[in-house]
Amino acid sequence: MAPAGAVTGQADRGAATAVVHESYSFACMRCGHGWEQSYEIEHHLDGDGNEFVRYVAGGNVVPSPLSRPTCLNCDSHVVRIMRPGQVSSAQNSLHRHRRPVPRAVGETLDEPQTESGKPQEDHHWHLSDLLHPFHHRKAG
């Protein structure tokens, strides 16, 4: 344990007046990378009695994800923030659309085929593919 007043690189995290747990989904609009992150939002009082918050992820104090999130894949700041579960929901939706094709005994797997028996082309996923389940059309 460091002596009182020593610089340890860790802020004093024991003085939180309240801790709230929040999770967010993120999608990079540049490269299409999607991820989810959970945060502990610690509410503190400064020396003048003013409230401030500190975001903690994985035990480390991090910047607010709501201010200027950075893509973990390409370092872009053009990132969409969504409610939790959106990325995993999109990934699950994509996996449901890819059903294995029944094959005859002894059939080789050299060339993937569609249900019609034609060779299957490689599919490159795009951001629009990931976000498709979330597109809502306004009535009117």
Protein backbone atom coordinates (compact mmCIF):
# COMPACT_ATOMS: atom_id res chain seq x y z
CA MET A 1 0.00 0.00 0.00
CA ALA A 2 1.35 3.43 -0.95
CA PRO A 3 1.84 6.06 1.75
CA ALA A 4 -0.76 8.83 1.99
CA GLY A 5 -0.26 11.48 -0.67
CA ALA A 6 1.91 9.22 -2.87
CA VAL A 7 1.33 9.28 -6.61
CA THR A 8 0.24 5.77 -7.63
CA GLY A 9 -1.33 6.37 -11.04
CA GLN A 10 -4.71 5.31 -9.65
CA ALA A 11 -7.25 7.87 -8.59
CA ASP A 12 -8.94 7.42 -5.21
CA ARG A 13 -11.97 5.36 -6.17
CA GLY A 14 -13.23 4.63 -2.67
CA ALA A 15 -15.10 7.91 -2.20
CA ALA A 16 -17.96 7.33 -4.65
CA THR A 17 -21.35 8.46 -3.36
CA ALA A 18 -23.15 6.14 -5.80
CA VAL A 19 -22.20 3.63 -8.50
CA VAL A 20 -24.41 2.90 -11.50
CA HIS A 21 -23.78 0.07 -13.99
CA GLU A 22 -24.44 0.86 -17.66
CA SER A 23 -23.71 -1.02 -20.87
CA TYR A 24 -23.58 0.28 -24.43
CA SER A 25 -23.24 -1.18 -27.91
CA PHE A 26 -20.99 0.56 -30.43
CA ALA A 27 -20.73 0.31 -34.22
CA CYS A 28 -17.98 2.01 -36.22
CA MET A 29 -19.43 3.75 -39.26
CA ARG A 30 -16.05 3.64 -40.99
CA CYS A 31 -14.97 -0.02 -40.77
CA GLY A 32 -18.16 -1.73 -39.52
CA HIS A 33 -16.59 -3.11 -36.33
CA GLY A 34 -19.11 -3.64 -33.53
CA TRP A 35 -18.55 -4.19 -29.82
CA GLU A 36 -20.21 -3.89 -26.44
CA GLN A 37 -18.80 -2.47 -23.21
CA SER A 38 -20.05 -2.28 -19.63
CA TYR A 39 -19.15 0.61 -17.35
CA GLU A 40 -19.36 1.44 -13.68
CA ILE A 41 -20.35 5.10 -13.44
CA GLU A 42 -19.09 6.40 -10.12
CA HIS A 43 -20.67 9.55 -8.71
CA HIS A 44 -18.32 11.68 -6.59
CA LEU A 45 -18.26 15.05 -4.85
CA ASP A 46 -15.32 17.39 -5.36
CA GLY A 47 -13.83 19.60 -2.62
CA ASP A 48 -16.50 22.27 -3.23
CA GLY A 49 -19.38 19.79 -3.01
CA ASN A 50 -20.00 19.70 -6.78
CA GLU A 51 -20.95 16.32 -8.23
CA PHE A 52 -18.89 14.71 -11.00
CA VAL A 53 -18.85 11.26 -12.55
CA ARG A 54 -16.05 8.86 -13.38
CA TYR A 55 -16.42 6.02 -15.90
CA VAL A 56 -14.66 2.75 -15.04
CA ALA A 57 -14.29 -0.17 -17.47
CA GLY A 58 -12.34 -3.31 -16.63
CA GLY A 59 -11.07 -1.72 -13.41
CA ASN A 60 -9.58 1.28 -15.25
CA VAL A 61 -10.82 4.86 -15.27
CA VAL A 62 -11.74 5.70 -18.89
CA PRO A 63 -13.18 8.73 -20.71
CA SER A 64 -16.94 8.94 -21.01
CA PRO A 65 -18.06 6.71 -23.89
CA LEU A 66 -20.71 9.31 -24.71
CA SER A 67 -18.27 12.12 -25.47
CA ARG A 68 -16.09 10.89 -28.35
CA PRO A 69 -15.87 7.10 -28.58
CA THR A 70 -13.00 5.56 -30.53
CA CYS A 71 -13.28 2.44 -32.68
CA LEU A 72 -11.20 -0.36 -31.19
CA ASN A 73 -10.42 -1.62 -34.71
CA CYS A 74 -9.53 1.47 -36.79
CA ASP A 75 -9.31 4.36 -34.24
CA SER A 76 -12.08 6.28 -36.03
CA HIS A 77 -14.33 8.57 -34.00
CA VAL A 78 -17.36 8.09 -36.27
CA VAL A 79 -19.01 5.62 -33.91
CA ARG A 80 -22.70 5.00 -33.34
CA ILE A 81 -23.73 4.38 -29.73
CA MET A 82 -26.72 2.11 -29.13
CA ARG A 83 -28.49 0.42 -26.26
CA PRO A 84 -26.85 -2.77 -24.95
CA GLY A 85 -27.39 -6.00 -26.84
CA GLN A 86 -27.58 -4.44 -30.31
CA VAL A 87 -24.26 -5.85 -31.57
CA SER A 88 -24.89 -9.37 -30.27
CA SER A 89 -28.45 -9.22 -31.62
CA ALA A 90 -27.18 -8.27 -35.09
CA GLN A 91 -24.55 -11.00 -35.00
CA ASN A 92 -27.17 -13.58 -33.96
CA SER A 93 -29.46 -12.38 -36.75
CA LEU A 94 -26.69 -12.86 -39.31
CA HIS A 95 -25.94 -16.37 -38.05
CA ARG A 96 -29.62 -17.38 -38.28
CA HIS A 97 -29.63 -16.48 -41.99
CA ARG A 98 -26.74 -18.85 -42.72
CA ARG A 99 -28.19 -22.36 -42.56
CA PRO A 100 -26.01 -25.34 -43.41
CA VAL A 101 -26.94 -27.09 -46.64
CA PRO A 102 -27.66 -30.82 -46.28
CA ARG A 103 -25.05 -32.90 -48.11
CA ALA A 104 -25.12 -36.44 -49.44
CA VAL A 105 -22.87 -39.04 -47.82
CA GLY A 106 -19.41 -38.87 -49.39
CA GLU A 107 -19.99 -35.45 -51.00
CA THR A 108 -16.87 -33.32 -50.91
CA LEU A 109 -16.81 -29.90 -49.31
CA ASP A 110 -14.53 -28.36 -51.92
CA GLU A 111 -17.03 -25.76 -53.05
CA PRO A 112 -19.79 -24.47 -50.72
CA GLN A 113 -23.20 -24.61 -52.35
CA THR A 114 -26.54 -22.93 -51.86
CA GLU A 115 -29.79 -24.82 -51.31
CA SER A 116 -30.35 -24.74 -55.10
CA GLY A 117 -27.09 -26.66 -55.58
CA LYS A 118 -25.23 -23.76 -57.19
CA PRO A 119 -21.77 -22.85 -55.88
CA GLN A 120 -21.96 -20.32 -53.06
CA GLU A 121 -20.03 -17.08 -53.49
CA ASP A 122 -18.00 -15.70 -50.59
CA HIS A 123 -19.97 -13.02 -48.79
CA HIS A 124 -18.23 -9.92 -47.50
CA TRP A 125 -20.19 -8.34 -44.66
CA HIS A 126 -20.73 -4.60 -44.70
CA LEU A 127 -21.88 -2.23 -42.00
CA SER A 128 -25.31 -2.06 -43.62
CA ASP A 129 -25.59 -5.85 -43.17
CA LEU A 130 -24.92 -5.51 -39.45
CA LEU A 131 -27.28 -2.57 -38.96
CA HIS A 132 -30.09 -3.93 -41.19
CA PRO A 133 -32.07 -5.46 -38.26
CA PHE A 134 -32.19 -2.01 -36.61
CA HIS A 135 -33.53 0.03 -39.53
CA HIS A 136 -37.00 1.30 -38.73
CA ARG A 137 -39.16 2.98 -41.30
CA LYS A 138 -41.31 5.82 -40.03
CA ALA A 139 -44.99 5.39 -40.74
CA GLY A 140 -46.56 8.18 -42.65
